[in-house]
Amino acid sequence: MRKFKNIILAIAVTFAIATSAAVAAPTSGTQGLDEQQIMKKVRKELVMLPYYGVFDNLAYQVEGGSVTLYGQVVHPTTRKDAERRVARIAGVERVVNQIEVLPLSNVDDSIRVDTYRTLLRAGSLYRYMRRANPSLHIVVNRGHVTLEGVVANEGDRRLAYITASTVPGVFSVTNNLRTDRERRAY
């Protein structure tokens, strides 16, 4: 009986030592990510969302281990998926989700499609919207259109604004497009 107790005690001590060693062991570098690395991982996770598209706009800000998500999306699942994916990134301790889910509206849906088609037909703008991850995003909220993203030059930026302004049913157009030159300055 005494031999059996000694074996149990030896197993318990071995288990305790192994557990404390595993807890005290440094992680494989994932916890020590700096803000730049976290920003790259956040961007990758957001652009890989399954329902993220030309009618959604997502932005983020990283401060230490805290990530704040901004923007507008058409589907509530995109908002939830963005928060879940960012929360799983190593080094992210907190996610503040300020993504707005746009209201359901057949009129807005029609304006989205009409604006998309009109921009596709306007000069060279099709190249910004035909990719898997478009660089030009069209956000429509109650008839007001906001253009978000990056275009190559000022001429494309102005062309997108003028073209979107001609779509029937659009109350106003806000042009938040940046050029490649402006993007590199950040």
C-alpha atoms as a PDB file:
ATOM      1  CA  MET A   1       0.000   0.000   0.000  1.00  0.00           C
ATOM      2  CA  ARG A   2       2.832   2.319   0.872  1.00  0.00           C
ATOM      3  CA  LYS A   3       4.485   1.584  -2.491  1.00  0.00           C
ATOM      4  CA  PHE A   4       1.246   2.503  -4.259  1.00  0.00           C
ATOM      5  CA  LYS A   5       1.037   5.849  -2.368  1.00  0.00           C
ATOM      6  CA  ASN A   6       4.646   6.644  -3.330  1.00  0.00           C
ATOM      7  CA  ILE A   7       3.879   5.977  -7.011  1.00  0.00           C
ATOM      8  CA  ILE A   8       0.809   8.241  -6.868  1.00  0.00           C
ATOM      9  CA  LEU A   9       2.835  10.936  -5.100  1.00  0.00           C
ATOM     10  CA  ALA A  10       5.613  10.690  -7.698  1.00  0.00           C
ATOM     11  CA  ILE A  11       3.094  11.005 -10.535  1.00  0.00           C
ATOM     12  CA  ALA A  12       1.452  14.034  -8.867  1.00  0.00           C
ATOM     13  CA  VAL A  13       4.812  15.764  -8.349  1.00  0.00           C
ATOM     14  CA  THR A  14       5.860  15.034 -11.935  1.00  0.00           C
ATOM     15  CA  PHE A  15       2.549  16.409 -13.212  1.00  0.00           C
ATOM     16  CA  ALA A  16       2.897  19.559 -11.060  1.00  0.00           C
ATOM     17  CA  ILE A  17       6.445  20.194 -12.292  1.00  0.00           C
ATOM     18  CA  ALA A  18       5.457  19.641 -15.931  1.00  0.00           C
ATOM     19  CA  THR A  19       2.453  21.952 -15.601  1.00  0.00           C
ATOM     20  CA  SER A  20       4.449  24.751 -13.965  1.00  0.00           C
ATOM     21  CA  ALA A  21       7.181  24.417 -16.603  1.00  0.00           C
ATOM     22  CA  ALA A  22       4.614  24.662 -19.397  1.00  0.00           C
ATOM     23  CA  VAL A  23       3.028  27.758 -17.858  1.00  0.00           C
ATOM     24  CA  ALA A  24       6.370  29.442 -17.241  1.00  0.00           C
ATOM     25  CA  ALA A  25       7.793  28.616 -20.679  1.00  0.00           C
ATOM     26  CA  PRO A  26       7.957  31.554 -23.077  1.00  0.00           C
ATOM     27  CA  THR A  27       5.550  31.412 -25.994  1.00  0.00           C
ATOM     28  CA  SER A  28       6.802  31.093 -29.530  1.00  0.00           C
ATOM     29  CA  GLY A  29       6.911  34.848 -30.168  1.00  0.00           C
ATOM     30  CA  THR A  30       3.198  35.293 -30.870  1.00  0.00           C
ATOM     31  CA  GLN A  31       2.499  37.298 -27.712  1.00  0.00           C
ATOM     32  CA  GLY A  32       5.292  39.777 -28.442  1.00  0.00           C
ATOM     33  CA  LEU A  33       3.782  41.174 -31.656  1.00  0.00           C
ATOM     34  CA  ASP A  34       4.260  44.878 -32.158  1.00  0.00           C
ATOM     35  CA  GLU A  35       1.546  47.199 -33.482  1.00  0.00           C
ATOM     36  CA  GLN A  36       2.758  46.984 -37.088  1.00  0.00           C
ATOM     37  CA  GLN A  37       2.533  43.189 -37.087  1.00  0.00           C
ATOM     38  CA  ILE A  38      -0.913  43.306 -35.486  1.00  0.00           C
ATOM     39  CA  MET A  39      -2.037  45.852 -38.105  1.00  0.00           C
ATOM     40  CA  LYS A  40      -0.926  43.551 -40.930  1.00  0.00           C
ATOM     41  CA  LYS A  41      -2.738  40.604 -39.399  1.00  0.00           C
ATOM     42  CA  VAL A  42      -5.911  42.647 -38.797  1.00  0.00           C
ATOM     43  CA  ARG A  43      -5.922  43.872 -42.402  1.00  0.00           C
ATOM     44  CA  LYS A  44      -5.454  40.332 -43.697  1.00  0.00           C
ATOM     45  CA  GLU A  45      -8.304  38.999 -41.560  1.00  0.00           C
ATOM     46  CA  LEU A  46     -10.664  41.780 -42.642  1.00  0.00           C
ATOM     47  CA  VAL A  47     -10.055  41.453 -46.384  1.00  0.00           C
ATOM     48  CA  MET A  48     -10.476  37.676 -46.132  1.00  0.00           C
ATOM     49  CA  LEU A  49     -13.986  37.918 -44.656  1.00  0.00           C
ATOM     50  CA  PRO A  50     -16.331  35.809 -46.795  1.00  0.00           C
ATOM     51  CA  TYR A  51     -19.028  38.462 -47.303  1.00  0.00           C
ATOM     52  CA  TYR A  52     -16.798  41.562 -47.436  1.00  0.00           C
ATOM     53  CA  GLY A  53     -17.290  43.250 -50.770  1.00  0.00           C
ATOM     54  CA  VAL A  54     -17.559  46.404 -52.802  1.00  0.00           C
ATOM     55  CA  PHE A  55     -20.596  47.645 -50.826  1.00  0.00           C
ATOM     56  CA  ASP A  56     -18.843  47.381 -47.443  1.00  0.00           C
ATOM     57  CA  ASN A  57     -16.192  49.601 -45.916  1.00  0.00           C
ATOM     58  CA  LEU A  58     -13.993  48.472 -43.037  1.00  0.00           C
ATOM     59  CA  ALA A  59     -11.290  50.392 -41.195  1.00  0.00           C
ATOM     60  CA  TYR A  60      -9.397  49.806 -37.958  1.00  0.00           C
ATOM     61  CA  GLN A  61      -7.079  51.399 -35.448  1.00  0.00           C
ATOM     62  CA  VAL A  62      -4.540  49.563 -33.303  1.00  0.00           C
ATOM     63  CA  GLU A  63      -3.345  50.914 -29.962  1.00  0.00           C
ATOM     64  CA  GLY A  64      -1.222  48.406 -28.102  1.00  0.00           C
ATOM     65  CA  GLY A  65      -3.314  45.268 -27.728  1.00  0.00           C
ATOM     66  CA  SER A  66      -6.584  47.076 -28.399  1.00  0.00           C
ATOM     67  CA  VAL A  67      -8.149  47.120 -31.878  1.00  0.00           C
ATOM     68  CA  THR A  68     -11.041  49.411 -32.778  1.00  0.00           C
ATOM     69  CA  LEU A  69     -13.080  48.466 -35.855  1.00  0.00           C
ATOM     70  CA  TYR A  70     -14.907  51.132 -37.883  1.00  0.00           C
ATOM     71  CA  GLY A  71     -16.907  51.291 -41.074  1.00  0.00           C
ATOM     72  CA  GLN A  72     -20.183  50.247 -42.599  1.00  0.00           C
ATOM     73  CA  VAL A  73     -21.389  46.856 -43.765  1.00  0.00           C
ATOM     74  CA  VAL A  74     -24.509  45.606 -45.511  1.00  0.00           C
ATOM     75  CA  HIS A  75     -24.827  42.307 -43.586  1.00  0.00           C
ATOM     76  CA  PRO A  76     -24.771  41.953 -39.778  1.00  0.00           C
ATOM     77  CA  THR A  77     -22.807  38.706 -40.132  1.00  0.00           C
ATOM     78  CA  THR A  78     -19.895  40.639 -41.636  1.00  0.00           C
ATOM     79  CA  ARG A  79     -19.776  42.812 -38.519  1.00  0.00           C
ATOM     80  CA  LYS A  80     -19.768  39.797 -36.196  1.00  0.00           C
ATOM     81  CA  ASP A  81     -17.244  37.865 -38.297  1.00  0.00           C
ATOM     82  CA  ALA A  82     -14.862  40.843 -38.324  1.00  0.00           C
ATOM     83  CA  GLU A  83     -14.930  41.077 -34.537  1.00  0.00           C
ATOM     84  CA  ARG A  84     -14.464  37.325 -34.057  1.00  0.00           C
ATOM     85  CA  ARG A  85     -11.554  37.059 -36.463  1.00  0.00           C
ATOM     86  CA  VAL A  86      -9.713  40.058 -35.053  1.00  0.00           C
ATOM     87  CA  ALA A  87     -10.214  38.834 -31.487  1.00  0.00           C
ATOM     88  CA  ARG A  88      -8.401  35.574 -32.371  1.00  0.00           C
ATOM     89  CA  ILE A  89      -5.217  37.357 -33.490  1.00  0.00           C
ATOM     90  CA  ALA A  90      -2.272  36.791 -31.172  1.00  0.00           C
ATOM     91  CA  GLY A  91      -1.472  39.967 -29.265  1.00  0.00           C
ATOM     92  CA  VAL A  92      -4.999  41.398 -29.493  1.00  0.00           C
ATOM     93  CA  GLU A  93      -6.377  41.755 -25.985  1.00  0.00           C
ATOM     94  CA  ARG A  94      -9.506  43.791 -26.711  1.00  0.00           C
ATOM     95  CA  VAL A  95     -11.734  44.514 -29.723  1.00  0.00           C
ATOM     96  CA  VAL A  96     -14.016  47.550 -29.819  1.00  0.00           C
ATOM     97  CA  ASN A  97     -16.539  47.006 -32.604  1.00  0.00           C
ATOM     98  CA  GLN A  98     -17.936  50.290 -33.947  1.00  0.00           C
ATOM     99  CA  ILE A  99     -18.916  48.906 -37.348  1.00  0.00           C
ATOM    100  CA  GLU A 100     -22.311  50.208 -38.464  1.00  0.00           C
ATOM    101  CA  VAL A 101     -24.753  47.802 -40.086  1.00  0.00           C
ATOM    102  CA  LEU A 102     -26.533  49.716 -42.851  1.00  0.00           C
ATOM    103  CA  PRO A 103     -30.344  49.655 -42.744  1.00  0.00           C
ATOM    104  CA  LEU A 104     -32.217  47.269 -45.018  1.00  0.00           C
ATOM    105  CA  SER A 105     -33.602  49.174 -47.989  1.00  0.00           C
ATOM    106  CA  ASN A 106     -34.607  48.108 -51.482  1.00  0.00           C
ATOM    107  CA  VAL A 107     -34.005  51.684 -52.646  1.00  0.00           C
ATOM    108  CA  ASP A 108     -30.444  51.645 -51.269  1.00  0.00           C
ATOM    109  CA  ASP A 109     -29.846  48.224 -52.825  1.00  0.00           C
ATOM    110  CA  SER A 110     -30.962  49.607 -56.193  1.00  0.00           C
ATOM    111  CA  ILE A 111     -28.686  52.645 -55.805  1.00  0.00           C
ATOM    112  CA  ARG A 112     -25.760  50.365 -54.902  1.00  0.00           C
ATOM    113  CA  VAL A 113     -26.188  48.273 -58.039  1.00  0.00           C
ATOM    114  CA  ASP A 114     -26.792  51.298 -60.280  1.00  0.00           C
ATOM    115  CA  THR A 115     -23.728  53.108 -58.887  1.00  0.00           C
ATOM    116  CA  TYR A 116     -21.590  49.994 -59.321  1.00  0.00           C
ATOM    117  CA  ARG A 117     -22.687  49.537 -62.933  1.00  0.00           C
ATOM    118  CA  THR A 118     -22.243  53.216 -63.734  1.00  0.00           C
ATOM    119  CA  LEU A 119     -18.724  53.273 -62.282  1.00  0.00           C
ATOM    120  CA  LEU A 120     -17.814  50.084 -64.178  1.00  0.00           C
ATOM    121  CA  ARG A 121     -18.721  51.800 -67.463  1.00  0.00           C
ATOM    122  CA  ALA A 122     -16.875  55.033 -66.663  1.00  0.00           C
ATOM    123  CA  GLY A 123     -13.436  55.116 -68.230  1.00  0.00           C
ATOM    124  CA  SER A 124     -10.863  53.089 -66.367  1.00  0.00           C
ATOM    125  CA  LEU A 125     -12.712  52.792 -63.054  1.00  0.00           C
ATOM    126  CA  TYR A 126     -13.631  49.141 -63.660  1.00  0.00           C
ATOM    127  CA  ARG A 127     -10.105  48.121 -62.665  1.00  0.00           C
ATOM    128  CA  TYR A 128     -10.713  49.178 -59.061  1.00  0.00           C
ATOM    129  CA  MET A 129     -13.851  47.090 -58.589  1.00  0.00           C
ATOM    130  CA  ARG A 130     -13.266  43.862 -60.514  1.00  0.00           C
ATOM    131  CA  ARG A 131     -10.759  42.345 -58.092  1.00  0.00           C
ATOM    132  CA  ALA A 132     -11.474  39.832 -55.361  1.00  0.00           C
ATOM    133  CA  ASN A 133     -10.634  42.618 -52.910  1.00  0.00           C
ATOM    134  CA  PRO A 134     -11.821  45.847 -54.570  1.00  0.00           C
ATOM    135  CA  SER A 135      -9.923  49.035 -53.797  1.00  0.00           C
ATOM    136  CA  LEU A 136     -12.998  51.205 -54.403  1.00  0.00           C
ATOM    137  CA  HIS A 137     -15.995  50.755 -52.108  1.00  0.00           C
ATOM    138  CA  ILE A 138     -19.518  52.133 -52.504  1.00  0.00           C
ATOM    139  CA  VAL A 139     -21.383  52.787 -49.262  1.00  0.00           C
ATOM    140  CA  VAL A 140     -25.054  53.753 -49.601  1.00  0.00           C
ATOM    141  CA  ASN A 141     -27.021  54.889 -46.563  1.00  0.00           C
ATOM    142  CA  ARG A 142     -30.551  56.227 -47.129  1.00  0.00           C
ATOM    143  CA  GLY A 143     -29.745  57.466 -50.625  1.00  0.00           C
ATOM    144  CA  HIS A 144     -26.444  59.103 -49.688  1.00  0.00           C
ATOM    145  CA  VAL A 145     -23.407  57.590 -51.416  1.00  0.00           C
ATOM    146  CA  THR A 146     -19.913  57.578 -49.934  1.00  0.00           C
ATOM    147  CA  LEU A 147     -16.955  56.486 -52.044  1.00  0.00           C
ATOM    148  CA  GLU A 148     -14.179  54.909 -49.986  1.00  0.00           C
ATOM    149  CA  GLY A 149     -10.822  53.389 -50.874  1.00  0.00           C
ATOM    150  CA  VAL A 150      -7.808  54.059 -53.029  1.00  0.00           C
ATOM    151  CA  VAL A 151      -7.450  54.962 -56.724  1.00  0.00           C
ATOM    152  CA  ALA A 152      -4.326  55.539 -58.802  1.00  0.00           C
ATOM    153  CA  ASN A 153      -4.595  59.280 -59.417  1.00  0.00           C
ATOM    154  CA  GLU A 154      -6.584  62.468 -58.918  1.00  0.00           C
ATOM    155  CA  GLY A 155      -8.264  62.104 -62.313  1.00  0.00           C
ATOM    156  CA  ASP A 156      -9.791  58.738 -61.336  1.00  0.00           C
ATOM    157  CA  ARG A 157     -10.816  60.196 -57.984  1.00  0.00           C
ATOM    158  CA  ARG A 158     -12.707  63.053 -59.673  1.00  0.00           C
ATOM    159  CA  LEU A 159     -14.174  60.784 -62.353  1.00  0.00           C
ATOM    160  CA  ALA A 160     -15.610  58.465 -59.685  1.00  0.00           C
ATOM    161  CA  TYR A 161     -17.218  61.407 -57.873  1.00  0.00           C
ATOM    162  CA  ILE A 162     -18.747  62.927 -61.018  1.00  0.00           C
ATOM    163  CA  THR A 163     -19.972  59.555 -62.267  1.00  0.00           C
ATOM    164  CA  ALA A 164     -21.565  58.573 -58.929  1.00  0.00           C
ATOM    165  CA  SER A 165     -23.311  61.952 -58.834  1.00  0.00           C
ATOM    166  CA  THR A 166     -25.178  61.112 -62.051  1.00  0.00           C
ATOM    167  CA  VAL A 167     -26.884  57.980 -60.682  1.00  0.00           C
ATOM    168  CA  PRO A 168     -30.672  58.447 -60.385  1.00  0.00           C
ATOM    169  CA  GLY A 169     -31.968  58.481 -56.805  1.00  0.00           C
ATOM    170  CA  VAL A 170     -28.686  59.596 -55.214  1.00  0.00           C
ATOM    171  CA  PHE A 171     -29.173  62.509 -52.808  1.00  0.00           C
ATOM    172  CA  SER A 172     -25.506  63.278 -52.236  1.00  0.00           C
ATOM    173  CA  VAL A 173     -22.031  61.879 -52.881  1.00  0.00           C
ATOM    174  CA  THR A 174     -19.157  62.100 -50.411  1.00  0.00           C
ATOM    175  CA  ASN A 175     -15.791  61.382 -51.990  1.00  0.00           C
ATOM    176  CA  ASN A 176     -13.400  59.867 -49.445  1.00  0.00           C
ATOM    177  CA  LEU A 177     -11.222  58.250 -52.104  1.00  0.00           C
ATOM    178  CA  ARG A 178      -7.487  58.619 -51.628  1.00  0.00           C
ATOM    179  CA  THR A 179      -4.864  58.424 -54.346  1.00  0.00           C
ATOM    180  CA  ASP A 180      -1.884  56.048 -54.294  1.00  0.00           C
ATOM    181  CA  ARG A 181       0.358  59.017 -53.533  1.00  0.00           C
ATOM    182  CA  GLU A 182      -1.736  59.978 -50.480  1.00  0.00           C
ATOM    183  CA  ARG A 183      -1.804  56.367 -49.271  1.00  0.00           C
ATOM    184  CA  ARG A 184       1.998  56.141 -49.340  1.00  0.00           C
ATOM    185  CA  ALA A 185       2.210  59.287 -47.207  1.00  0.00           C
ATOM    186  CA  TYR A 186       0.500  57.497 -44.272  1.00  0.00           C
END
